[in-house]
Amino acid sequence: MRFSIIMPVYNIENYLETAVSSVLTQTFDDFELILVEDASPDNCAAICDKLANADKRVKVIHNKINSGAGLSRNFGIQAAQGEFILFVDSDDTISPNTLEILNREADGFDITVFGLNRLFENDKEEIYKTEKLFHTECTTASLKDSGQLLISLNRAGIFPFVWNKVYKRTLLVENNALFENAKITEDCYFNLLLFQKTDKIKVINDCLYNYRKPVSQTLTNSYSPEFLELSKRKFVLEKELLENTGCNNEENLQFIYYVFIKHLLSYFVRNRAKSAMLSSQKQKNLIRASLNDPLVYDIISNYKPNGLAMKLIDYILKHQKINLCYLTAYLISILKN
């Protein structure tokens, strides 16, 4: 079997059949679709069983308890039989010729990266804007190339995701590559492990994945109390990858400093979410605590900003202007909304 497509399913009954249809109507037919139904409270379990009964290419795993997308993907990996593994989320779709193109391009490579279409929806679930994100075509021939590609794909905005990549199954098995049980950033951790394990990576510029971005999906309703700790760990793993691949030059280090500071600002904004129920004073206390964190302090101290906006942000962070940090988060939340 050529491809195993793994789709975690949870509380998404209105989109599930459309997502599955985009797989079953592919122009290339040698694949299995593994639906990992994650103890969903809606009608997803029945829909999965119906789809499996109608098409022998569909296999269903029913989790007894809700395990999250990462662990659900792990169950799919363990059940997969295909030469290559592709991940699709159950509220997104893939283009009709995705597998046909990947079948042609993936041979000889452990990871093949492709572009995506980001579909912005209004409150009526109508697409009002499409943004194409892709990287120029290239291949790696050394681990140093793979490390540099991390930076390049990050600049293009397409590194962290697993659903715009196809992985050779033996690469995952040989490196015991599994997802961590984290609500966010688990995709990034997965890729940071694998990009330092292979020098056989290919990038194509076809935009094959269709990623829905609903109007409700904003930073100010994405409260995550563990976001700062996850971002710190992501930074540490990125730095280790650059060191392990011989790419830890000043330019690349400055880039991951910059990315972390963007995450730090995101943490401030997320703490404004209504679901966080944090008073302004509590938010300011969290800002102060984060700026005094040894790793955060070290990153800010070593960051050399470019551009007026980042120089201003750098100033208020380095000088721990708590009220200005709070005001900056407020302004960002308005702009994002």
C-alpha atoms as a PDB file:
ATOM      1  CA  MET A   1       0.000   0.000   0.000  1.00  0.00           C
ATOM      2  CA  ARG A   2       1.316   3.422  -0.978  1.00  0.00           C
ATOM      3  CA  PHE A   3      -0.317   5.888   1.473  1.00  0.00           C
ATOM      4  CA  SER A   4      -1.866   5.781   4.921  1.00  0.00           C
ATOM      5  CA  ILE A   5      -3.927   8.893   5.655  1.00  0.00           C
ATOM      6  CA  ILE A   6      -4.564   9.468   9.349  1.00  0.00           C
ATOM      7  CA  MET A   7      -7.466  11.677  10.427  1.00  0.00           C
ATOM      8  CA  PRO A   8      -8.206  12.344  14.124  1.00  0.00           C
ATOM      9  CA  VAL A   9     -11.940  12.909  14.646  1.00  0.00           C
ATOM     10  CA  TYR A  10     -13.484  14.809  17.529  1.00  0.00           C
ATOM     11  CA  ASN A  11     -16.645  16.921  17.824  1.00  0.00           C
ATOM     12  CA  ILE A  12     -16.631  17.885  14.165  1.00  0.00           C
ATOM     13  CA  GLU A  13     -19.705  16.168  12.691  1.00  0.00           C
ATOM     14  CA  ASN A  14     -20.619  19.105  10.423  1.00  0.00           C
ATOM     15  CA  TYR A  15     -17.318  18.905   8.516  1.00  0.00           C
ATOM     16  CA  LEU A  16     -16.314  15.261   8.771  1.00  0.00           C
ATOM     17  CA  GLU A  17     -17.975  13.889   5.643  1.00  0.00           C
ATOM     18  CA  THR A  18     -16.599  16.724   3.509  1.00  0.00           C
ATOM     19  CA  ALA A  19     -13.081  16.053   4.812  1.00  0.00           C
ATOM     20  CA  VAL A  20     -13.421  12.317   4.170  1.00  0.00           C
ATOM     21  CA  SER A  21     -14.882  12.898   0.704  1.00  0.00           C
ATOM     22  CA  SER A  22     -11.823  14.947  -0.277  1.00  0.00           C
ATOM     23  CA  VAL A  23      -9.732  11.844   0.453  1.00  0.00           C
ATOM     24  CA  LEU A  24     -11.993   9.207  -1.078  1.00  0.00           C
ATOM     25  CA  THR A  25     -12.320  11.122  -4.365  1.00  0.00           C
ATOM     26  CA  GLN A  26      -8.563  11.336  -4.955  1.00  0.00           C
ATOM     27  CA  THR A  27      -7.312  10.717  -8.491  1.00  0.00           C
ATOM     28  CA  PHE A  28      -4.804   8.204  -7.029  1.00  0.00           C
ATOM     29  CA  ASP A  29      -6.386   5.178  -5.399  1.00  0.00           C
ATOM     30  CA  ASP A  30      -3.731   3.170  -3.549  1.00  0.00           C
ATOM     31  CA  PHE A  31      -4.351   4.316   0.035  1.00  0.00           C
ATOM     32  CA  GLU A  32      -6.076   3.613   3.323  1.00  0.00           C
ATOM     33  CA  LEU A  33      -7.884   6.228   5.382  1.00  0.00           C
ATOM     34  CA  ILE A  34      -7.641   5.676   9.136  1.00  0.00           C
ATOM     35  CA  LEU A  35     -10.270   7.588  11.111  1.00  0.00           C
ATOM     36  CA  VAL A  36      -9.325   7.793  14.791  1.00  0.00           C
ATOM     37  CA  GLU A  37     -12.601   8.667  16.518  1.00  0.00           C
ATOM     38  CA  ASP A  38     -11.613  10.227  19.826  1.00  0.00           C
ATOM     39  CA  ALA A  39     -14.638   9.462  22.051  1.00  0.00           C
ATOM     40  CA  SER A  40     -16.479  12.348  20.418  1.00  0.00           C
ATOM     41  CA  PRO A  41     -19.614  13.625  22.212  1.00  0.00           C
ATOM     42  CA  ASP A  42     -21.486  14.300  18.946  1.00  0.00           C
ATOM     43  CA  ASN A  43     -22.463  11.957  16.111  1.00  0.00           C
ATOM     44  CA  CYS A  44     -18.929  11.436  14.788  1.00  0.00           C
ATOM     45  CA  ALA A  45     -18.671   7.795  15.890  1.00  0.00           C
ATOM     46  CA  ALA A  46     -21.761   6.785  13.903  1.00  0.00           C
ATOM     47  CA  ILE A  47     -20.608   8.798  10.866  1.00  0.00           C
ATOM     48  CA  CYS A  48     -17.203   7.092  10.943  1.00  0.00           C
ATOM     49  CA  ASP A  49     -18.798   3.637  11.060  1.00  0.00           C
ATOM     50  CA  LYS A  50     -21.145   4.549   8.205  1.00  0.00           C
ATOM     51  CA  LEU A  51     -18.231   5.723   6.059  1.00  0.00           C
ATOM     52  CA  ALA A  52     -16.230   2.572   6.795  1.00  0.00           C
ATOM     53  CA  ASN A  53     -19.177   0.347   5.880  1.00  0.00           C
ATOM     54  CA  ALA A  54     -19.540   2.175   2.574  1.00  0.00           C
ATOM     55  CA  ASP A  55     -15.868   2.066   1.518  1.00  0.00           C
ATOM     56  CA  LYS A  56     -13.354  -0.668   2.319  1.00  0.00           C
ATOM     57  CA  ARG A  57     -10.484   1.852   2.178  1.00  0.00           C
ATOM     58  CA  VAL A  58     -11.796   3.442   5.378  1.00  0.00           C
ATOM     59  CA  LYS A  59     -10.741   1.970   8.712  1.00  0.00           C
ATOM     60  CA  VAL A  60     -11.980   3.224  12.094  1.00  0.00           C
ATOM     61  CA  ILE A  61     -10.307   3.228  15.482  1.00  0.00           C
ATOM     62  CA  HIS A  62     -12.611   4.156  18.366  1.00  0.00           C
ATOM     63  CA  ASN A  63     -10.810   5.583  21.392  1.00  0.00           C
ATOM     64  CA  LYS A  64     -12.457   4.543  24.651  1.00  0.00           C
ATOM     65  CA  ILE A  65     -11.574   7.876  26.264  1.00  0.00           C
ATOM     66  CA  ASN A  66     -10.818  11.290  24.790  1.00  0.00           C
ATOM     67  CA  SER A  67      -7.064  11.320  24.162  1.00  0.00           C
ATOM     68  CA  GLY A  68      -6.430  14.434  22.058  1.00  0.00           C
ATOM     69  CA  ALA A  69      -5.254  14.857  18.477  1.00  0.00           C
ATOM     70  CA  GLY A  70      -1.621  13.947  19.174  1.00  0.00           C
ATOM     71  CA  LEU A  71      -2.266  10.593  20.832  1.00  0.00           C
ATOM     72  CA  SER A  72      -4.983   9.831  18.268  1.00  0.00           C
ATOM     73  CA  ARG A  73      -2.437  10.315  15.499  1.00  0.00           C
ATOM     74  CA  ASN A  74      -0.108   7.935  17.356  1.00  0.00           C
ATOM     75  CA  PHE A  75      -2.791   5.233  17.304  1.00  0.00           C
ATOM     76  CA  GLY A  76      -3.130   5.834  13.579  1.00  0.00           C
ATOM     77  CA  ILE A  77       0.629   5.560  13.024  1.00  0.00           C
ATOM     78  CA  GLN A  78       0.711   2.244  14.877  1.00  0.00           C
ATOM     79  CA  ALA A  79      -2.090   0.887  12.671  1.00  0.00           C
ATOM     80  CA  ALA A  80      -0.780   2.285   9.374  1.00  0.00           C
ATOM     81  CA  GLN A  81       0.296  -0.074   6.591  1.00  0.00           C
ATOM     82  CA  GLY A  82       1.247   2.416   3.884  1.00  0.00           C
ATOM     83  CA  GLU A  83       4.720   3.246   2.636  1.00  0.00           C
ATOM     84  CA  PHE A  84       4.024   6.926   3.309  1.00  0.00           C
ATOM     85  CA  ILE A  85       1.931   8.626   5.998  1.00  0.00           C
ATOM     86  CA  LEU A  86      -0.139  11.764   5.527  1.00  0.00           C
ATOM     87  CA  PHE A  87      -2.122  13.592   8.232  1.00  0.00           C
ATOM     88  CA  VAL A  88      -5.410  15.382   7.507  1.00  0.00           C
ATOM     89  CA  ASP A  89      -7.555  17.206  10.074  1.00  0.00           C
ATOM     90  CA  SER A  90     -11.251  16.372  10.046  1.00  0.00           C
ATOM     91  CA  ASP A  91     -12.435  19.938   9.376  1.00  0.00           C
ATOM     92  CA  ASP A  92     -10.055  20.529   6.444  1.00  0.00           C
ATOM     93  CA  THR A  93      -9.725  19.073   2.940  1.00  0.00           C
ATOM     94  CA  ILE A  94      -7.040  18.098   0.438  1.00  0.00           C
ATOM     95  CA  SER A  95      -7.036  18.884  -3.271  1.00  0.00           C
ATOM     96  CA  PRO A  96      -8.279  16.084  -5.596  1.00  0.00           C
ATOM     97  CA  ASN A  97      -4.838  15.350  -7.081  1.00  0.00           C
ATOM     98  CA  THR A  98      -2.863  15.481  -3.816  1.00  0.00           C
ATOM     99  CA  LEU A  99      -1.958  11.787  -3.693  1.00  0.00           C
ATOM    100  CA  GLU A 100      -1.260  11.648  -7.426  1.00  0.00           C
ATOM    101  CA  ILE A 101       1.281  14.468  -7.092  1.00  0.00           C
ATOM    102  CA  LEU A 102       2.825  13.041  -3.910  1.00  0.00           C
ATOM    103  CA  ASN A 103       3.059   9.580  -5.474  1.00  0.00           C
ATOM    104  CA  ARG A 104       5.159  11.145  -8.225  1.00  0.00           C
ATOM    105  CA  GLU A 105       7.298  13.368  -5.994  1.00  0.00           C
ATOM    106  CA  ALA A 106       7.921  11.436  -2.756  1.00  0.00           C
ATOM    107  CA  ASP A 107      10.101   8.537  -3.936  1.00  0.00           C
ATOM    108  CA  GLY A 108      13.629   8.719  -2.565  1.00  0.00           C
ATOM    109  CA  PHE A 109      12.708  11.154   0.214  1.00  0.00           C
ATOM    110  CA  ASP A 110      11.828  10.694   3.879  1.00  0.00           C
ATOM    111  CA  ILE A 111       9.767  13.904   4.065  1.00  0.00           C
ATOM    112  CA  THR A 112       8.050  15.784   1.269  1.00  0.00           C
ATOM    113  CA  VAL A 113       6.751  19.273   2.096  1.00  0.00           C
ATOM    114  CA  PHE A 114       4.022  21.012   0.100  1.00  0.00           C
ATOM    115  CA  GLY A 115       2.100  24.276   0.232  1.00  0.00           C
ATOM    116  CA  LEU A 116      -1.322  25.084   1.644  1.00  0.00           C
ATOM    117  CA  ASN A 117      -4.349  27.254   1.036  1.00  0.00           C
ATOM    118  CA  ARG A 118      -5.469  29.142   4.130  1.00  0.00           C
ATOM    119  CA  LEU A 119      -9.210  29.740   3.815  1.00  0.00           C
ATOM    120  CA  PHE A 120     -10.534  32.634   5.882  1.00  0.00           C
ATOM    121  CA  GLU A 121     -14.217  32.262   6.801  1.00  0.00           C
ATOM    122  CA  ASN A 122     -16.737  34.860   7.983  1.00  0.00           C
ATOM    123  CA  ASP A 123     -19.397  34.251  10.636  1.00  0.00           C
ATOM    124  CA  LYS A 124     -21.579  32.554   7.983  1.00  0.00           C
ATOM    125  CA  GLU A 125     -18.785  30.064   7.229  1.00  0.00           C
ATOM    126  CA  GLU A 126     -18.292  31.646   3.810  1.00  0.00           C
ATOM    127  CA  ILE A 127     -14.759  31.960   2.444  1.00  0.00           C
ATOM    128  CA  TYR A 128     -13.951  35.615   1.946  1.00  0.00           C
ATOM    129  CA  LYS A 129     -10.188  35.319   1.403  1.00  0.00           C
ATOM    130  CA  THR A 130      -7.703  32.638   0.352  1.00  0.00           C
ATOM    131  CA  GLU A 131      -4.020  32.898   1.176  1.00  0.00           C
ATOM    132  CA  LYS A 132      -1.496  30.595  -0.500  1.00  0.00           C
ATOM    133  CA  LEU A 133       1.539  29.663   1.587  1.00  0.00           C
ATOM    134  CA  PHE A 134       4.383  27.763  -0.059  1.00  0.00           C
ATOM    135  CA  HIS A 135       8.148  27.512  -0.376  1.00  0.00           C
ATOM    136  CA  THR A 136      10.235  27.351  -3.530  1.00  0.00           C
ATOM    137  CA  GLU A 137      11.081  23.830  -4.674  1.00  0.00           C
ATOM    138  CA  CYS A 138      14.280  22.355  -3.287  1.00  0.00           C
ATOM    139  CA  THR A 139      15.863  19.214  -1.839  1.00  0.00           C
ATOM    140  CA  THR A 140      18.321  18.615   1.003  1.00  0.00           C
ATOM    141  CA  ALA A 141      21.555  16.671   0.681  1.00  0.00           C
ATOM    142  CA  SER A 142      22.937  16.988   4.220  1.00  0.00           C
ATOM    143  CA  LEU A 143      21.762  17.474   7.799  1.00  0.00           C
ATOM    144  CA  LYS A 144      23.008  21.057   7.562  1.00  0.00           C
ATOM    145  CA  ASP A 145      20.618  21.554   4.640  1.00  0.00           C
ATOM    146  CA  SER A 146      17.799  20.129   6.774  1.00  0.00           C
ATOM    147  CA  GLY A 147      18.599  22.518   9.624  1.00  0.00           C
ATOM    148  CA  GLN A 148      18.687  25.499   7.300  1.00  0.00           C
ATOM    149  CA  LEU A 149      15.403  24.372   5.756  1.00  0.00           C
ATOM    150  CA  LEU A 150      13.781  24.674   9.219  1.00  0.00           C
ATOM    151  CA  ILE A 151      14.535  28.403   9.156  1.00  0.00           C
ATOM    152  CA  SER A 152      13.469  28.805   5.547  1.00  0.00           C
ATOM    153  CA  LEU A 153      10.154  26.989   6.000  1.00  0.00           C
ATOM    154  CA  ASN A 154       9.486  28.978   9.159  1.00  0.00           C
ATOM    155  CA  ARG A 155       9.978  32.208   7.239  1.00  0.00           C
ATOM    156  CA  ALA A 156       7.461  30.932   4.667  1.00  0.00           C
ATOM    157  CA  GLY A 157       4.992  30.153   7.481  1.00  0.00           C
ATOM    158  CA  ILE A 158       4.683  26.435   6.739  1.00  0.00           C
ATOM    159  CA  PHE A 159       7.156  24.608   8.998  1.00  0.00           C
ATOM    160  CA  PRO A 160       5.231  23.649  12.140  1.00  0.00           C
ATOM    161  CA  PHE A 161       2.303  21.788  10.554  1.00  0.00           C
ATOM    162  CA  VAL A 162       2.219  18.034   9.942  1.00  0.00           C
ATOM    163  CA  TRP A 163      -0.659  18.161   7.475  1.00  0.00           C
ATOM    164  CA  ASN A 164       1.401  19.788   4.711  1.00  0.00           C
ATOM    165  CA  LYS A 165       3.992  17.026   4.754  1.00  0.00           C
ATOM    166  CA  VAL A 166       4.103  13.372   3.787  1.00  0.00           C
ATOM    167  CA  TYR A 167       6.412  11.133   5.824  1.00  0.00           C
ATOM    168  CA  LYS A 168       8.011   7.836   4.944  1.00  0.00           C
ATOM    169  CA  ARG A 169       6.656   5.402   7.507  1.00  0.00           C
ATOM    170  CA  THR A 170      10.048   3.772   8.122  1.00  0.00           C
ATOM    171  CA  LEU A 171      11.428   7.179   9.199  1.00  0.00           C
ATOM    172  CA  LEU A 172       8.765   7.363  11.926  1.00  0.00           C
ATOM    173  CA  VAL A 173       9.199   3.743  13.011  1.00  0.00           C
ATOM    174  CA  GLU A 174      13.005   3.800  13.121  1.00  0.00           C
ATOM    175  CA  ASN A 175      13.059   7.006  15.192  1.00  0.00           C
ATOM    176  CA  ASN A 176      10.082   6.092  17.391  1.00  0.00           C
ATOM    177  CA  ALA A 177       8.513   9.366  16.235  1.00  0.00           C
ATOM    178  CA  LEU A 178       5.271   9.915  18.118  1.00  0.00           C
ATOM    179  CA  PHE A 179       3.221  12.950  19.054  1.00  0.00           C
ATOM    180  CA  GLU A 180       3.267  14.306  22.569  1.00  0.00           C
ATOM    181  CA  ASN A 181       0.087  14.790  24.539  1.00  0.00           C
ATOM    182  CA  ALA A 182      -0.017  18.573  24.163  1.00  0.00           C
ATOM    183  CA  LYS A 183      -2.983  20.719  23.144  1.00  0.00           C
ATOM    184  CA  ILE A 184      -0.814  22.910  20.929  1.00  0.00           C
ATOM    185  CA  THR A 185       2.697  22.801  19.394  1.00  0.00           C
ATOM    186  CA  GLU A 186       2.689  18.973  19.179  1.00  0.00           C
ATOM    187  CA  ASP A 187       3.077  19.267  15.387  1.00  0.00           C
ATOM    188  CA  CYS A 188       6.156  21.428  15.783  1.00  0.00           C
ATOM    189  CA  TYR A 189       7.810  19.087  18.296  1.00  0.00           C
ATOM    190  CA  PHE A 190       7.203  16.175  15.908  1.00  0.00           C
ATOM    191  CA  ASN A 191       8.863  17.978  12.996  1.00  0.00           C
ATOM    192  CA  LEU A 192      11.752  19.268  15.103  1.00  0.00           C
ATOM    193  CA  LEU A 193      12.607  15.662  15.950  1.00  0.00           C
ATOM    194  CA  LEU A 194      12.410  14.399  12.384  1.00  0.00           C
ATOM    195  CA  PHE A 195      14.179  17.256  10.585  1.00  0.00           C
ATOM    196  CA  GLN A 196      17.407  16.360  12.399  1.00  0.00           C
ATOM    197  CA  LYS A 197      17.057  12.671  11.608  1.00  0.00           C
ATOM    198  CA  THR A 198      17.173  12.844   7.807  1.00  0.00           C
ATOM    199  CA  ASP A 199      18.965  14.604   4.987  1.00  0.00           C
ATOM    200  CA  LYS A 200      16.360  13.421   2.460  1.00  0.00           C
ATOM    201  CA  ILE A 201      13.741  16.173   2.419  1.00  0.00           C
ATOM    202  CA  LYS A 202      12.001  17.535  -0.656  1.00  0.00           C
ATOM    203  CA  VAL A 203       9.903  20.690  -0.976  1.00  0.00           C
ATOM    204  CA  ILE A 204       7.373  21.190  -3.776  1.00  0.00           C
ATOM    205  CA  ASN A 205       5.461  24.405  -4.327  1.00  0.00           C
ATOM    206  CA  ASP A 206       2.033  22.863  -5.029  1.00  0.00           C
ATOM    207  CA  CYS A 207      -0.623  24.126  -2.561  1.00  0.00           C
ATOM    208  CA  LEU A 208      -2.446  20.859  -1.843  1.00  0.00           C
ATOM    209  CA  TYR A 209      -3.905  21.293   1.653  1.00  0.00           C
ATOM    210  CA  ASN A 210      -6.975  23.447   2.361  1.00  0.00           C
ATOM    211  CA  TYR A 211      -6.856  24.786   5.904  1.00  0.00           C
ATOM    212  CA  ARG A 212     -10.016  26.390   7.314  1.00  0.00           C
ATOM    213  CA  LYS A 213      -9.572  29.472   9.469  1.00  0.00           C
ATOM    214  CA  PRO A 214     -12.965  30.369  11.004  1.00  0.00           C
ATOM    215  CA  VAL A 215     -13.684  33.911  12.119  1.00  0.00           C
ATOM    216  CA  SER A 216     -13.964  32.624  15.693  1.00  0.00           C
ATOM    217  CA  GLN A 217     -10.336  31.441  15.651  1.00  0.00           C
ATOM    218  CA  THR A 218      -8.490  34.383  17.206  1.00  0.00           C
ATOM    219  CA  LEU A 219      -5.760  34.791  19.801  1.00  0.00           C
ATOM    220  CA  THR A 220      -8.152  36.451  22.212  1.00  0.00           C
ATOM    221  CA  ASN A 221     -10.299  33.326  22.457  1.00  0.00           C
ATOM    222  CA  SER A 222      -7.371  30.890  22.482  1.00  0.00           C
ATOM    223  CA  TYR A 223      -6.416  30.961  26.161  1.00  0.00           C
ATOM    224  CA  SER A 224      -3.823  28.373  27.042  1.00  0.00           C
ATOM    225  CA  PRO A 225      -2.200  28.651  30.492  1.00  0.00           C
ATOM    226  CA  GLU A 226       0.665  26.392  29.408  1.00  0.00           C
ATOM    227  CA  PHE A 227       1.442  28.377  26.244  1.00  0.00           C
ATOM    228  CA  LEU A 228       4.566  30.063  27.610  1.00  0.00           C
ATOM    229  CA  GLU A 229       6.104  26.810  28.844  1.00  0.00           C
ATOM    230  CA  LEU A 230       5.352  25.118  25.509  1.00  0.00           C
ATOM    231  CA  SER A 231       6.902  28.049  23.642  1.00  0.00           C
ATOM    232  CA  LYS A 232      10.026  27.880  25.796  1.00  0.00           C
ATOM    233  CA  ARG A 233      10.383  24.170  25.073  1.00  0.00           C
ATOM    234  CA  LYS A 234       9.872  24.794  21.356  1.00  0.00           C
ATOM    235  CA  PHE A 235      12.684  27.363  21.439  1.00  0.00           C
ATOM    236  CA  VAL A 236      15.025  24.948  23.234  1.00  0.00           C
ATOM    237  CA  LEU A 237      14.296  22.216  20.664  1.00  0.00           C
ATOM    238  CA  GLU A 238      14.827  24.630  17.764  1.00  0.00           C
ATOM    239  CA  LYS A 239      18.156  25.736  19.219  1.00  0.00           C
ATOM    240  CA  GLU A 240      19.206  22.113  19.712  1.00  0.00           C
ATOM    241  CA  LEU A 241      18.281  21.285  16.116  1.00  0.00           C
ATOM    242  CA  LEU A 242      20.376  24.198  14.829  1.00  0.00           C
ATOM    243  CA  GLU A 243      23.308  23.019  16.959  1.00  0.00           C
ATOM    244  CA  ASN A 244      22.923  19.371  15.931  1.00  0.00           C
ATOM    245  CA  THR A 245      22.831  20.257  12.233  1.00  0.00           C
ATOM    246  CA  GLY A 246      25.621  22.838  12.329  1.00  0.00           C
ATOM    247  CA  CYS A 247      23.283  25.747  11.576  1.00  0.00           C
ATOM    248  CA  ASN A 248      23.555  27.706  14.823  1.00  0.00           C
ATOM    249  CA  ASN A 249      25.011  30.827  13.221  1.00  0.00           C
ATOM    250  CA  GLU A 250      24.081  34.294  14.494  1.00  0.00           C
ATOM    251  CA  GLU A 251      21.520  34.966  11.744  1.00  0.00           C
ATOM    252  CA  ASN A 252      19.588  31.777  12.484  1.00  0.00           C
ATOM    253  CA  LEU A 253      19.767  32.309  16.236  1.00  0.00           C
ATOM    254  CA  GLN A 254      18.412  35.822  15.827  1.00  0.00           C
ATOM    255  CA  PHE A 255      15.522  34.419  13.825  1.00  0.00           C
ATOM    256  CA  ILE A 256      14.459  31.954  16.536  1.00  0.00           C
ATOM    257  CA  TYR A 257      14.852  34.726  19.143  1.00  0.00           C
ATOM    258  CA  TYR A 258      12.460  36.806  17.031  1.00  0.00           C
ATOM    259  CA  VAL A 259       9.980  33.934  16.712  1.00  0.00           C
ATOM    260  CA  PHE A 260      10.036  33.353  20.463  1.00  0.00           C
ATOM    261  CA  ILE A 261       9.364  37.024  21.189  1.00  0.00           C
ATOM    262  CA  LYS A 262       6.346  36.833  18.873  1.00  0.00           C
ATOM    263  CA  HIS A 263       5.163  33.843  20.931  1.00  0.00           C
ATOM    264  CA  LEU A 264       5.764  35.815  24.123  1.00  0.00           C
ATOM    265  CA  LEU A 265       3.528  38.600  22.831  1.00  0.00           C
ATOM    266  CA  SER A 266       0.981  35.967  21.830  1.00  0.00           C
ATOM    267  CA  TYR A 267       1.061  34.682  25.424  1.00  0.00           C
ATOM    268  CA  PHE A 268       0.246  38.181  26.680  1.00  0.00           C
ATOM    269  CA  VAL A 269      -2.645  38.451  24.203  1.00  0.00           C
ATOM    270  CA  ARG A 270      -4.032  34.984  24.994  1.00  0.00           C
ATOM    271  CA  ASN A 271      -4.186  35.919  28.666  1.00  0.00           C
ATOM    272  CA  ARG A 272      -6.748  38.570  27.694  1.00  0.00           C
ATOM    273  CA  ALA A 273      -9.233  35.892  26.576  1.00  0.00           C
ATOM    274  CA  LYS A 274     -12.585  35.947  28.365  1.00  0.00           C
ATOM    275  CA  SER A 275     -12.174  32.260  29.170  1.00  0.00           C
ATOM    276  CA  ALA A 276      -8.959  33.076  31.064  1.00  0.00           C
ATOM    277  CA  MET A 277     -10.912  35.179  33.575  1.00  0.00           C
ATOM    278  CA  LEU A 278      -7.738  37.061  34.502  1.00  0.00           C
ATOM    279  CA  SER A 279      -7.947  40.531  35.986  1.00  0.00           C
ATOM    280  CA  SER A 280      -5.730  43.243  34.538  1.00  0.00           C
ATOM    281  CA  GLN A 281      -3.547  43.030  37.633  1.00  0.00           C
ATOM    282  CA  LYS A 282      -3.200  39.255  37.297  1.00  0.00           C
ATOM    283  CA  GLN A 283      -2.257  39.682  33.624  1.00  0.00           C
ATOM    284  CA  LYS A 284       0.398  42.221  34.595  1.00  0.00           C
ATOM    285  CA  ASN A 285       1.715  39.862  37.275  1.00  0.00           C
ATOM    286  CA  LEU A 286       2.053  37.115  34.662  1.00  0.00           C
ATOM    287  CA  ILE A 287       3.860  39.505  32.320  1.00  0.00           C
ATOM    288  CA  ARG A 288       6.291  40.408  35.093  1.00  0.00           C
ATOM    289  CA  ALA A 289       6.859  36.753  35.997  1.00  0.00           C
ATOM    290  CA  SER A 290       7.507  35.782  32.372  1.00  0.00           C
ATOM    291  CA  LEU A 291      10.046  38.583  31.875  1.00  0.00           C
ATOM    292  CA  ASN A 292      11.902  37.402  34.984  1.00  0.00           C
ATOM    293  CA  ASP A 293      12.025  33.799  33.771  1.00  0.00           C
ATOM    294  CA  PRO A 294      15.738  32.960  33.239  1.00  0.00           C
ATOM    295  CA  LEU A 295      15.315  31.576  29.703  1.00  0.00           C
ATOM    296  CA  VAL A 296      13.010  34.407  28.614  1.00  0.00           C
ATOM    297  CA  TYR A 297      15.399  36.965  30.123  1.00  0.00           C
ATOM    298  CA  ASP A 298      18.324  35.375  28.251  1.00  0.00           C
ATOM    299  CA  ILE A 299      16.477  35.410  24.910  1.00  0.00           C
ATOM    300  CA  ILE A 300      15.416  39.043  25.293  1.00  0.00           C
ATOM    301  CA  SER A 301      18.939  40.028  26.320  1.00  0.00           C
ATOM    302  CA  ASN A 302      20.450  38.451  23.194  1.00  0.00           C
ATOM    303  CA  TYR A 303      17.818  39.600  20.710  1.00  0.00           C
ATOM    304  CA  LYS A 304      18.898  42.307  18.241  1.00  0.00           C
ATOM    305  CA  PRO A 305      15.750  43.770  16.662  1.00  0.00           C
ATOM    306  CA  ASN A 306      15.269  45.075  13.143  1.00  0.00           C
ATOM    307  CA  GLY A 307      12.602  47.607  12.241  1.00  0.00           C
ATOM    308  CA  LEU A 308      11.000  50.317  14.332  1.00  0.00           C
ATOM    309  CA  ALA A 309       8.131  48.201  15.691  1.00  0.00           C
ATOM    310  CA  MET A 310      10.382  45.413  16.969  1.00  0.00           C
ATOM    311  CA  LYS A 311      12.849  47.950  18.400  1.00  0.00           C
ATOM    312  CA  LEU A 312      10.025  49.497  20.418  1.00  0.00           C
ATOM    313  CA  ILE A 313       8.864  46.075  21.608  1.00  0.00           C
ATOM    314  CA  ASP A 314      12.441  45.122  22.427  1.00  0.00           C
ATOM    315  CA  TYR A 315      12.797  48.290  24.526  1.00  0.00           C
ATOM    316  CA  ILE A 316       9.692  47.675  26.635  1.00  0.00           C
ATOM    317  CA  LEU A 317      10.661  44.017  27.166  1.00  0.00           C
ATOM    318  CA  LYS A 318      14.292  44.688  28.051  1.00  0.00           C
ATOM    319  CA  HIS A 319      13.319  47.472  30.463  1.00  0.00           C
ATOM    320  CA  GLN A 320      10.359  45.489  31.836  1.00  0.00           C
ATOM    321  CA  LYS A 321       7.783  48.202  31.159  1.00  0.00           C
ATOM    322  CA  ILE A 322       4.881  46.101  32.452  1.00  0.00           C
ATOM    323  CA  ASN A 323       2.116  48.611  31.733  1.00  0.00           C
ATOM    324  CA  LEU A 324       3.401  49.115  28.185  1.00  0.00           C
ATOM    325  CA  CYS A 325       3.524  45.343  27.676  1.00  0.00           C
ATOM    326  CA  TYR A 326      -0.082  45.155  28.842  1.00  0.00           C
ATOM    327  CA  LEU A 327      -1.046  47.997  26.498  1.00  0.00           C
ATOM    328  CA  THR A 328       0.786  46.336  23.600  1.00  0.00           C
ATOM    329  CA  ALA A 329      -1.190  43.115  24.163  1.00  0.00           C
ATOM    330  CA  TYR A 330      -4.395  45.180  24.149  1.00  0.00           C
ATOM    331  CA  LEU A 331      -3.479  46.852  20.849  1.00  0.00           C
ATOM    332  CA  ILE A 332      -2.468  43.558  19.229  1.00  0.00           C
ATOM    333  CA  SER A 333      -5.760  41.962  20.273  1.00  0.00           C
ATOM    334  CA  ILE A 334      -7.696  44.813  18.628  1.00  0.00           C
ATOM    335  CA  LEU A 335      -5.664  44.510  15.414  1.00  0.00           C
ATOM    336  CA  LYS A 336      -6.017  40.720  15.313  1.00  0.00           C
ATOM    337  CA  ASN A 337      -9.761  40.880  15.836  1.00  0.00           C
END
